[in-house]
Every structure is written in structure tokens, then in C-alpha cells.
Amino acid sequence: MSTQQTALSVGRSNLALATLFLGMFVLGSGELLVVGVLDRIAADLHVTIAEAGTVVTVYALGLAIGGPILTALTIKLEKKIVLIGTVALFIVCNLLAVLTSNYGLFLVLRFLIGASQGLFIAGAFMAAMTVVPPERIGKAIGIVISGVAMSGALGVPLGTLVGQTLGWRGSFMAIVAGAVIVLAGTVVLIPTVPPAGAGAGHQAKYAFAPRVLAVLFLNFIVFSAVFAVLTYLVPFLQRVTGISGGMLSVFLLAYGVATAVGSFGGGKFADRNASLTLIIGSAGIALSLLVLYFVGSIAWLVALALLGWGLSFYSIVPSLQVRVITLAGPGGQLAQSLPVSAANVGIAFGAFAGGVAIDNHSASATVITGLIFAVVTIAVAWGTSFLKPPVVDGESSPAAASSSVPEPA
């Protein structure tokens, strides 16, 4: 695979990364836009809002559980074919979701769509690592991850706007249209990406080694810290900061743009020193939440805290991915599907913990909850910085074999 990397021109490499970025943006928007049209889905499918909320849960389960399973099942297949098949499955399932009026079938389809996104994420990381030289792996992963960040910053508001204008089915069709473009780009612009490493059974003992699980726990606690606050950020801004209406969208957009910028910059930091980036970024999250708690009633300071929070959060996401792949060694191809699973479990746990805090105390209590988790992330990030990849004769990880990731001495 190393020869494949050198054979690609800079322009072709950038086009491939742009395609992967667009894929992450479209699939990420398909995940998140339901939040903005949940009431319309509930009314159209004749269920309550609470029941419609299950749509979000089953999607997360599909991504967290179905994604790794599909990755394991397709681990010996050529990755371009996997990406093409994954996007095709995403399109078909979304079209069926548009056509159905059966809520049970809709839930099954959302699970499959989530699983397809999980498989796409793993394949996208593998493809990204093969189209750049070794010293740019972190940056390439950052570009791919930034597609998710941009889906939160722009995809969700745009999807919600389309949904409010054309209905939730119209917003789903917009996602399908975007996925068709991604499919065409994948066929034309993504190079052949041969599978690397042994089968899923052999890779699993490295992918689930204690050193990898430690970084996955860090991934979990980072997302728990963020989503304990983010899930209830609107009530915080309304009750504590005292803003409402259109200004809420402005503050949320500022946070979303900061996450996108952070993911781009975070890729460069991951190339330089992924372990140190995790420590500094975790400290940045904790500091931002501490500031948010104490200046919550001052709007412009809250805006600055949100910018710092978004930048710190997504600046470490590429490093989380790089560290997992690197520490997995020969199991790196399987392991690259695991951070998103850990993240989704963290999102669910963080949202639950924040919900308990806001129900029993106040909107500000969610910030304290997130801050406690964030302090834990600093200690865990520091502890995991001492972990080293396995030394296995005659074997190497995808990251090491085709494009080694620099790690601190």
C-alpha cells in the first residue's frame, strides 16, 4: 500500500479526501437531522414524541454495534468496494424509510442506516490513510472527521429547514441526493484500497487489548463530558444566559463551526504528538466548562467559552482515532471502527447523566456534571500517554504498514 500512496498526486489525494469528507458530512447529517423533524415524524407515523425519540436510540445502536460487526464481516474485502456497497445500502434504506408508514419498519431501517454509517466511517479512515504520505495521516483523519463536525454545524440546520419546508420525507430525500453524489465520487475518485492484516478473529485479540480499551475508555469519558452539557445547552442558554429565539441558533452555530475548525487543526496536532494533544485538549475542555459555569450569565463570555469548548473537543478527536489504530498494532483495521462505538456509548451516558442533573438541580448542574467528567479525562489522557503499540514480528497495523503514525518517545 505504500507504493499506492506515492503513486497518487497531491491533487488526486485531495479529491479523494474531499469525497470522504463529503461522505461523512452527508451520512452525519442523515443521523442528526431527525432531531429537527422529530415532531413531524411522530405525527406522520402516528406515535408520540417520546416513542419517536426511539429513532435516535436505534440509530446509535446501529452505529455502535452494527458498525463494528459489519466491519469485522467485511474486513477481508477491498475497501473501495466496501465503501460503494455501504453508500448504496445507505441510499436504499433511506428511500425505503421515505416510502414506509410503518413505524416498526422505520426503526429497523434506521438501525441499518446507522450500521452502514459505522461501516463507512471505518472504511473512510482506511482509505484516507492510504492516499496520503505517512506524515499526513493525522491530518487526513482530521479531514474525514471534520465532515461529521460540519454535519452538526451546517447539515442539521439545513436539514431542519428543508424538513420544515418540505416535510421530514423531503429532508430524507435531500440526504439521498447527497448520498448519490458521494456514491459517484467514491466510484470515480477513491483508489483501490486492498485489505490489510489478518482476519477478524486474529485482529480482535489486538483490537481489544487492554491498551486499546484504555483509549476507548478515554473516548467514552470525553464524549460523556461533552454531551452531559451539550444535550442540555439550549435550556442553559435560555435559563442562565437569558437568550432565546434566533440568538440560540447563532450560539449553536458558533459552537458547531468551532468543532469543525478544531477537527482540521486537530489532525495536524495528531501528526505531531497524539498523546500530548489528548492531554492538552482534555484540559481545554475542562477549562472551557469551568469558564462556562462561572460566566454563564454574560452572553459574550459564554460565546467565547463555547468557541474554546468546541475547538478543544474536536481538536482531540483525530488523536483519539490515531491512538486507537496505533495501539492496536496488527488489529488496527478492526480497531478503527471502535472509537465511534465508544463515542456513542459516551453520548448516551453523558445525556443520561446531564438529564439527572437538570431534573434534580438546575441547568447549571449539567455544566458541573460535564466538568467532573472532563477532569477525569485529563488524568486518563495522561495515563494513556505511556502506552506503546505492541511489537509483533512479521506483523504490522494498517497505520504502521502503509503509513506509520509518529508517536512520542
Protein backbone atom coordinates (compact mmCIF):
# COMPACT_ATOMS: atom_id res chain seq x y z
CA MET A 1 0.00 0.00 0.00
CA SER A 2 2.93 2.32 0.40
CA THR A 3 3.51 2.36 -3.34
CA GLN A 4 -0.09 3.26 -3.84
CA GLN A 5 0.42 6.29 -1.63
CA THR A 6 3.39 7.59 -3.60
CA ALA A 7 1.61 6.96 -6.90
CA LEU A 8 -1.18 9.39 -6.06
CA SER A 9 -0.68 13.02 -6.99
CA VAL A 10 -1.43 15.70 -4.43
CA GLY A 11 -4.47 16.76 -6.45
CA ARG A 12 -5.86 13.23 -6.68
CA SER A 13 -5.21 12.68 -2.99
CA ASN A 14 -7.07 15.88 -2.09
CA LEU A 15 -10.03 14.89 -4.29
CA ALA A 16 -10.21 11.51 -2.56
CA LEU A 17 -10.14 13.17 0.87
CA ALA A 18 -12.80 15.66 -0.26
CA THR A 19 -15.02 12.74 -1.27
CA LEU A 20 -14.55 11.07 2.11
CA PHE A 21 -15.24 14.40 3.85
CA LEU A 22 -18.47 14.80 1.86
CA GLY A 23 -19.46 11.23 2.70
CA MET A 24 -19.01 11.86 6.41
CA PHE A 25 -20.94 15.12 6.10
CA VAL A 26 -23.89 13.56 4.27
CA LEU A 27 -24.10 10.45 6.44
CA GLY A 28 -23.62 12.53 9.60
CA SER A 29 -26.42 14.86 8.52
CA GLY A 30 -28.62 11.83 7.92
CA GLU A 31 -28.04 10.81 11.52
CA LEU A 32 -28.68 14.17 13.14
CA LEU A 33 -31.39 15.83 11.08
CA VAL A 34 -34.15 13.71 12.68
CA VAL A 35 -33.74 15.81 15.82
CA GLY A 36 -35.10 18.83 13.96
CA VAL A 37 -38.08 16.99 12.42
CA LEU A 38 -38.91 14.55 15.23
CA ASP A 39 -42.31 16.12 15.81
CA ARG A 40 -43.23 15.70 12.15
CA ILE A 41 -42.06 12.08 12.10
CA ALA A 42 -44.15 11.38 15.22
CA ALA A 43 -47.27 12.94 13.70
CA ASP A 44 -46.84 11.23 10.33
CA LEU A 45 -46.16 7.77 11.76
CA HIS A 46 -48.85 8.15 14.46
CA VAL A 47 -46.61 7.79 17.52
CA THR A 48 -45.83 10.03 20.47
CA ILE A 49 -42.80 12.30 20.61
CA ALA A 50 -41.29 10.03 23.27
CA GLU A 51 -41.79 6.97 21.05
CA ALA A 52 -40.32 8.85 18.09
CA GLY A 53 -37.25 9.52 20.22
CA THR A 54 -36.50 5.81 19.92
CA VAL A 55 -35.44 6.61 16.36
CA VAL A 56 -32.36 8.32 17.78
CA THR A 57 -31.62 5.40 20.11
CA VAL A 58 -31.83 2.65 17.49
CA TYR A 59 -29.63 4.65 15.12
CA ALA A 60 -26.97 4.99 17.82
CA LEU A 61 -27.21 1.24 18.50
CA GLY A 62 -26.86 0.52 14.80
CA LEU A 63 -23.77 2.68 14.62
CA ALA A 64 -22.21 1.43 17.86
CA ILE A 65 -23.00 -2.28 17.46
CA GLY A 66 -23.82 -2.87 13.81
CA GLY A 67 -20.88 -0.83 12.53
CA PRO A 68 -18.14 -2.97 14.16
CA ILE A 69 -19.97 -6.18 13.23
CA LEU A 70 -20.16 -5.18 9.56
CA THR A 71 -16.53 -4.06 9.70
CA ALA A 72 -15.50 -7.48 11.00
CA LEU A 73 -17.56 -9.28 8.37
CA THR A 74 -16.05 -7.25 5.52
CA ILE A 75 -12.51 -7.00 6.85
CA LYS A 76 -11.01 -9.13 4.05
CA LEU A 77 -12.78 -7.24 1.26
CA GLU A 78 -11.30 -4.48 -0.89
CA LYS A 79 -12.23 -1.21 0.82
CA LYS A 80 -13.37 0.75 -2.21
CA ILE A 81 -15.96 -1.97 -2.90
CA VAL A 82 -17.00 -1.84 0.76
CA LEU A 83 -17.45 1.94 0.61
CA ILE A 84 -19.50 1.71 -2.59
CA GLY A 85 -21.70 -1.02 -1.14
CA THR A 86 -22.12 0.88 2.12
CA VAL A 87 -23.28 4.09 0.44
CA ALA A 88 -25.63 2.07 -1.80
CA LEU A 89 -27.14 0.41 1.30
CA PHE A 90 -27.49 3.84 2.93
CA ILE A 91 -29.38 5.14 -0.13
CA VAL A 92 -31.71 2.14 -0.39
CA CYS A 93 -32.57 2.15 3.33
CA ASN A 94 -33.30 5.88 3.31
CA LEU A 95 -35.53 5.52 0.25
CA LEU A 96 -37.46 2.73 1.97
CA ALA A 97 -37.75 4.90 5.10
CA VAL A 98 -39.29 7.66 2.96
CA LEU A 99 -41.79 5.25 1.45
CA THR A 100 -42.91 3.43 4.60
CA SER A 101 -45.65 4.42 7.02
CA ASN A 102 -44.91 1.52 9.35
CA TYR A 103 -43.12 2.71 12.49
CA GLY A 104 -41.62 -0.72 13.27
CA LEU A 105 -40.09 -0.99 9.81
CA PHE A 106 -38.87 2.59 10.10
CA LEU A 107 -36.95 1.69 13.27
CA VAL A 108 -35.36 -1.34 11.59
CA LEU A 109 -34.29 0.81 8.67
CA ARG A 110 -32.79 3.44 10.97
CA PHE A 111 -30.75 0.69 12.69
CA LEU A 112 -29.45 -0.48 9.30
CA ILE A 113 -28.67 3.09 8.26
CA GLY A 114 -26.71 3.58 11.48
CA ALA A 115 -24.80 0.33 10.89
CA SER A 116 -23.98 1.43 7.34
CA GLN A 117 -22.62 4.72 8.66
CA GLY A 118 -20.41 2.84 11.13
CA LEU A 119 -19.01 0.71 8.30
CA PHE A 120 -18.47 3.78 6.12
CA ILE A 121 -16.53 5.51 8.90
CA ALA A 122 -14.16 2.55 9.27
CA GLY A 123 -13.67 2.27 5.50
CA ALA A 124 -13.19 6.02 5.15
CA PHE A 125 -10.38 6.05 7.72
CA MET A 126 -8.69 3.14 5.96
CA ALA A 127 -8.97 4.86 2.59
CA ALA A 128 -7.76 8.19 3.99
CA MET A 129 -4.62 6.58 5.40
CA THR A 130 -3.71 5.11 2.02
CA VAL A 131 -3.96 8.29 -0.07
CA VAL A 132 -1.50 10.42 1.95
CA PRO A 133 2.16 10.06 2.94
CA PRO A 134 2.92 8.81 6.47
CA GLU A 135 3.50 12.26 7.93
CA ARG A 136 -0.03 13.40 6.94
CA ILE A 137 -2.11 10.55 8.39
CA GLY A 138 -3.39 12.61 11.32
CA LYS A 139 -4.33 15.47 9.02
CA ALA A 140 -6.16 13.08 6.68
CA ILE A 141 -8.11 11.59 9.59
CA GLY A 142 -8.88 15.12 10.79
CA ILE A 143 -10.34 16.00 7.37
CA VAL A 144 -12.55 12.90 7.42
CA ILE A 145 -13.72 13.58 10.99
CA SER A 146 -14.41 17.22 10.17
CA GLY A 147 -17.19 16.02 7.88
CA VAL A 148 -19.07 14.90 10.99
CA ALA A 149 -18.36 18.20 12.71
CA MET A 150 -19.67 20.13 9.72
CA SER A 151 -22.81 17.98 9.64
CA GLY A 152 -23.54 19.16 13.15
CA ALA A 153 -22.71 22.78 12.35
CA LEU A 154 -24.43 23.09 8.96
CA GLY A 155 -26.12 19.85 7.98
CA VAL A 156 -28.58 19.76 10.85
CA PRO A 157 -29.79 23.39 10.49
CA LEU A 158 -30.12 22.99 6.72
CA GLY A 159 -31.83 19.62 7.07
CA THR A 160 -34.22 21.06 9.64
CA LEU A 161 -35.02 23.96 7.32
CA VAL A 162 -35.76 21.58 4.46
CA GLY A 163 -37.81 19.39 6.80
CA GLN A 164 -39.91 22.31 7.99
CA THR A 165 -40.49 23.36 4.37
CA LEU A 166 -40.91 20.04 2.56
CA GLY A 167 -41.64 17.71 5.47
CA TRP A 168 -39.39 15.08 7.02
CA ARG A 169 -39.62 12.92 3.91
CA GLY A 170 -38.31 15.85 1.88
CA SER A 171 -35.31 16.18 4.19
CA PHE A 172 -34.61 12.47 3.83
CA MET A 173 -34.72 12.80 0.04
CA ALA A 174 -32.21 15.65 0.27
CA ILE A 175 -29.90 13.27 2.15
CA VAL A 176 -30.43 10.63 -0.53
CA ALA A 177 -29.48 13.15 -3.22
CA GLY A 178 -26.29 13.97 -1.34
CA ALA A 179 -25.52 10.27 -0.93
CA VAL A 180 -25.86 9.73 -4.68
CA ILE A 181 -23.17 12.37 -5.22
CA VAL A 182 -20.99 10.63 -2.63
CA LEU A 183 -21.53 7.31 -4.40
CA ALA A 184 -20.44 8.78 -7.74
CA GLY A 185 -17.41 10.40 -6.15
CA THR A 186 -16.43 7.14 -4.46
CA VAL A 187 -16.60 5.24 -7.73
CA VAL A 188 -14.53 7.81 -9.63
CA LEU A 189 -12.13 9.31 -7.09
CA ILE A 190 -11.36 6.72 -4.40
CA PRO A 191 -8.45 4.46 -5.39
CA THR A 192 -8.35 0.73 -4.82
CA VAL A 193 -7.69 0.03 -1.14
CA PRO A 194 -6.66 -3.62 -0.61
CA PRO A 195 -7.41 -5.15 2.79
CA ALA A 196 -4.50 -5.20 5.23
CA GLY A 197 -3.73 -7.61 8.03
CA ALA A 198 -5.22 -10.95 9.06
CA GLY A 199 -8.84 -11.93 9.55
CA ALA A 200 -11.20 -10.51 12.14
CA GLY A 201 -10.56 -13.29 14.67
CA HIS A 202 -6.81 -12.71 14.68
CA GLN A 203 -7.14 -8.94 14.72
CA ALA A 204 -9.64 -8.98 17.60
CA LYS A 205 -7.03 -10.01 20.18
CA TYR A 206 -5.07 -6.86 19.34
CA ALA A 207 -8.07 -4.58 18.77
CA PHE A 208 -9.49 -5.40 22.21
CA ALA A 209 -6.18 -5.45 24.09
CA PRO A 210 -6.13 -3.56 27.43
CA ARG A 211 -4.04 -0.70 25.99
CA VAL A 212 -6.67 -0.13 23.28
CA LEU A 213 -9.55 -0.44 25.74
CA ALA A 214 -7.88 2.25 27.86
CA VAL A 215 -8.00 4.75 25.00
CA LEU A 216 -11.54 3.66 24.15
CA PHE A 217 -12.46 4.46 27.75
CA LEU A 218 -10.87 7.88 27.27
CA ASN A 219 -13.02 8.26 24.16
CA PHE A 220 -16.10 7.29 26.16
CA ILE A 221 -15.41 9.72 29.01
CA VAL A 222 -14.59 12.61 26.64
CA PHE A 223 -17.92 12.27 24.88
CA SER A 224 -19.71 11.78 28.20
CA ALA A 225 -18.24 15.07 29.45
CA VAL A 226 -19.24 16.96 26.33
CA PHE A 227 -22.75 15.58 25.89
CA ALA A 228 -23.69 15.88 29.56
CA VAL A 229 -23.65 19.61 28.77
CA LEU A 230 -24.30 19.80 25.03
CA THR A 231 -27.56 17.83 25.19
CA TYR A 232 -29.00 20.48 27.52
CA LEU A 233 -27.14 23.51 26.18
CA VAL A 234 -30.32 25.20 24.91
CA PRO A 235 -32.00 25.15 28.36
CA PHE A 236 -28.75 26.50 29.84
CA LEU A 237 -28.63 29.36 27.34
CA GLN A 238 -32.29 30.14 27.91
CA ARG A 239 -32.39 29.95 31.71
CA VAL A 240 -28.88 31.03 32.72
CA THR A 241 -27.60 33.20 29.87
CA GLY A 242 -31.03 34.63 29.08
CA ILE A 243 -31.03 34.32 25.29
CA SER A 244 -33.77 32.96 23.08
CA GLY A 245 -35.11 32.90 19.55
CA GLY A 246 -32.69 33.42 16.70
CA MET A 247 -29.77 34.11 19.04
CA LEU A 248 -29.87 30.49 20.17
CA SER A 249 -29.09 29.41 16.62
CA VAL A 250 -26.22 31.88 16.47
CA PHE A 251 -24.62 30.48 19.62
CA LEU A 252 -25.11 26.88 18.49
CA LEU A 253 -23.69 27.67 15.07
CA ALA A 254 -20.63 29.29 16.67
CA TYR A 255 -20.04 26.12 18.66
CA GLY A 256 -20.55 23.97 15.56
CA VAL A 257 -18.10 25.98 13.46
CA ALA A 258 -15.55 25.79 16.29
CA THR A 259 -15.79 21.97 16.26
CA ALA A 260 -15.17 21.92 12.50
CA VAL A 261 -12.13 24.18 12.83
CA GLY A 262 -10.89 22.09 15.75
CA SER A 263 -11.07 18.86 13.75
CA PHE A 264 -9.00 20.32 10.92
CA GLY A 265 -6.33 21.63 13.29
CA GLY A 266 -6.53 18.53 15.45
CA GLY A 267 -5.37 16.37 12.55
CA LYS A 268 -2.09 18.31 12.38
CA PHE A 269 -1.65 18.01 16.14
CA ALA A 270 -2.22 14.25 15.90
CA ASP A 271 0.62 14.00 13.39
CA ARG A 272 2.98 15.84 15.72
CA ASN A 273 2.12 14.20 19.04
CA ALA A 274 -1.23 12.49 19.51
CA SER A 275 -0.70 11.68 23.19
CA LEU A 276 0.19 15.24 24.16
CA THR A 277 -2.73 16.57 22.12
CA LEU A 278 -5.11 14.41 24.17
CA ILE A 279 -3.78 15.82 27.44
CA ILE A 280 -3.89 19.46 26.31
CA GLY A 281 -7.30 19.08 24.62
CA SER A 282 -8.79 17.43 27.71
CA ALA A 283 -7.52 20.30 29.83
CA GLY A 284 -9.03 22.73 27.32
CA ILE A 285 -12.45 21.07 27.63
CA ALA A 286 -12.31 21.25 31.43
CA LEU A 287 -11.18 24.88 31.42
CA SER A 288 -13.90 25.87 28.94
CA LEU A 289 -16.62 24.24 31.04
CA LEU A 290 -15.25 25.88 34.19
CA VAL A 291 -15.42 29.28 32.48
CA LEU A 292 -18.90 28.50 31.14
CA TYR A 293 -20.15 27.77 34.66
CA PHE A 294 -18.81 30.97 36.20
CA VAL A 295 -19.70 33.38 33.34
CA GLY A 296 -22.97 31.72 32.33
CA SER A 297 -24.98 34.92 32.72
CA ILE A 298 -22.69 37.03 30.49
CA ALA A 299 -23.59 36.30 26.86
CA TRP A 300 -20.38 37.37 25.11
CA LEU A 301 -18.21 35.45 27.56
CA VAL A 302 -20.44 32.41 27.10
CA ALA A 303 -19.86 32.70 23.35
CA LEU A 304 -16.09 32.69 23.91
CA ALA A 305 -16.36 29.70 26.24
CA LEU A 306 -18.37 27.81 23.60
CA LEU A 307 -15.74 28.58 20.97
CA GLY A 308 -12.96 27.31 23.23
CA TRP A 309 -15.03 24.27 24.14
CA GLY A 310 -15.74 23.35 20.51
CA LEU A 311 -12.12 23.87 19.47
CA SER A 312 -10.78 21.78 22.38
CA PHE A 313 -13.29 18.98 21.91
CA TYR A 314 -12.80 18.28 18.22
CA SER A 315 -9.07 19.03 18.27
CA ILE A 316 -8.57 15.75 20.15
CA VAL A 317 -10.96 13.53 18.16
CA PRO A 318 -8.39 12.77 15.40
CA SER A 319 -5.81 11.91 18.08
CA LEU A 320 -8.27 9.50 19.73
CA GLN A 321 -8.63 7.72 16.40
CA VAL A 322 -4.88 7.71 15.70
CA ARG A 323 -4.01 6.36 19.14
CA VAL A 324 -6.54 3.52 18.90
CA ILE A 325 -5.28 2.44 15.48
CA THR A 326 -1.65 2.69 16.51
CA LEU A 327 -2.01 0.86 19.82
CA ALA A 328 -3.98 -1.93 18.16
CA GLY A 329 -0.95 -2.86 16.02
CA PRO A 330 -1.94 -5.76 13.73
CA GLY A 331 -5.58 -5.25 14.78
CA GLY A 332 -5.70 -1.65 13.59
CA GLN A 333 -8.08 -2.28 10.71
CA LEU A 334 -10.72 -3.73 13.03
CA ALA A 335 -9.96 -1.27 15.84
CA GLN A 336 -10.62 1.79 13.70
CA SER A 337 -14.36 1.08 13.88
CA LEU A 338 -14.36 1.07 17.70
CA PRO A 339 -13.89 4.76 18.65
CA VAL A 340 -17.24 5.70 17.13
CA SER A 341 -18.88 2.95 19.20
CA ALA A 342 -17.22 4.22 22.37
CA ALA A 343 -18.26 7.75 21.45
CA ASN A 344 -21.91 6.78 21.01
CA VAL A 345 -21.98 4.98 24.36
CA GLY A 346 -20.44 8.10 25.87
CA ILE A 347 -23.07 10.30 24.21
CA ALA A 348 -25.86 8.16 25.65
CA PHE A 349 -24.30 8.09 29.14
CA GLY A 350 -23.50 11.80 29.11
CA ALA A 351 -27.02 12.69 28.03
CA PHE A 352 -28.40 10.48 30.82
CA ALA A 353 -26.12 11.99 33.48
CA GLY A 354 -26.93 15.51 32.32
CA GLY A 355 -30.63 14.67 32.40
CA VAL A 356 -30.38 13.50 36.01
CA ALA A 357 -28.54 16.73 36.89
CA ILE A 358 -31.04 19.07 35.26
CA ASP A 359 -34.04 17.18 36.67
CA ASN A 360 -32.77 17.25 40.24
CA HIS A 361 -30.95 20.56 40.30
CA SER A 362 -30.68 23.19 37.56
CA ALA A 363 -29.40 23.85 34.07
CA SER A 364 -26.05 24.90 35.56
CA ALA A 365 -25.74 21.49 37.20
CA THR A 366 -25.24 19.93 33.79
CA VAL A 367 -22.08 22.01 33.36
CA ILE A 368 -20.75 20.82 36.73
CA THR A 369 -21.51 17.22 35.71
CA GLY A 370 -19.62 17.64 32.45
CA LEU A 371 -16.78 19.37 34.28
CA ILE A 372 -16.36 16.43 36.67
CA PHE A 373 -16.12 14.06 33.72
CA ALA A 374 -13.71 16.42 31.97
CA VAL A 375 -11.34 16.45 34.94
CA VAL A 376 -11.29 12.65 34.81
CA THR A 377 -10.36 12.82 31.10
CA ILE A 378 -7.19 14.77 31.94
CA ALA A 379 -5.98 12.01 34.26
CA VAL A 380 -6.93 9.25 31.83
CA ALA A 381 -5.29 11.07 28.91
CA TRP A 382 -2.10 11.43 30.93
CA GLY A 383 -2.16 7.75 31.91
CA THR A 384 -2.71 6.52 28.35
CA SER A 385 0.19 8.65 27.08
CA PHE A 386 2.57 5.99 28.46
CA LEU A 387 1.01 3.19 26.40
CA LYS A 388 3.02 1.80 23.48
CA PRO A 389 1.99 -0.23 20.40
CA PRO A 390 2.67 -3.98 20.51
CA VAL A 391 5.87 -5.32 18.99
CA VAL A 392 4.92 -8.28 16.82
CA ASP A 393 7.44 -9.87 14.48
CA GLY A 394 6.30 -10.09 10.89
CA GLU A 395 3.05 -8.20 11.50
CA SER A 396 2.03 -4.58 11.36
CA SER A 397 -1.03 -2.47 11.65
CA PRO A 398 -2.60 -0.70 8.69
CA ALA A 399 -1.28 2.51 10.09
CA ALA A 400 2.19 1.18 10.56
CA ALA A 401 2.43 -0.91 7.43
CA SER A 402 1.20 1.60 4.95
CA SER A 403 1.66 4.84 6.77
CA SER A 404 3.20 4.87 10.21
CA VAL A 405 1.95 7.38 12.75
CA PRO A 406 4.60 9.28 14.69
CA GLU A 407 4.31 8.74 18.42
CA PRO A 408 6.15 10.41 21.26
CA ALA A 409 9.27 8.74 22.55
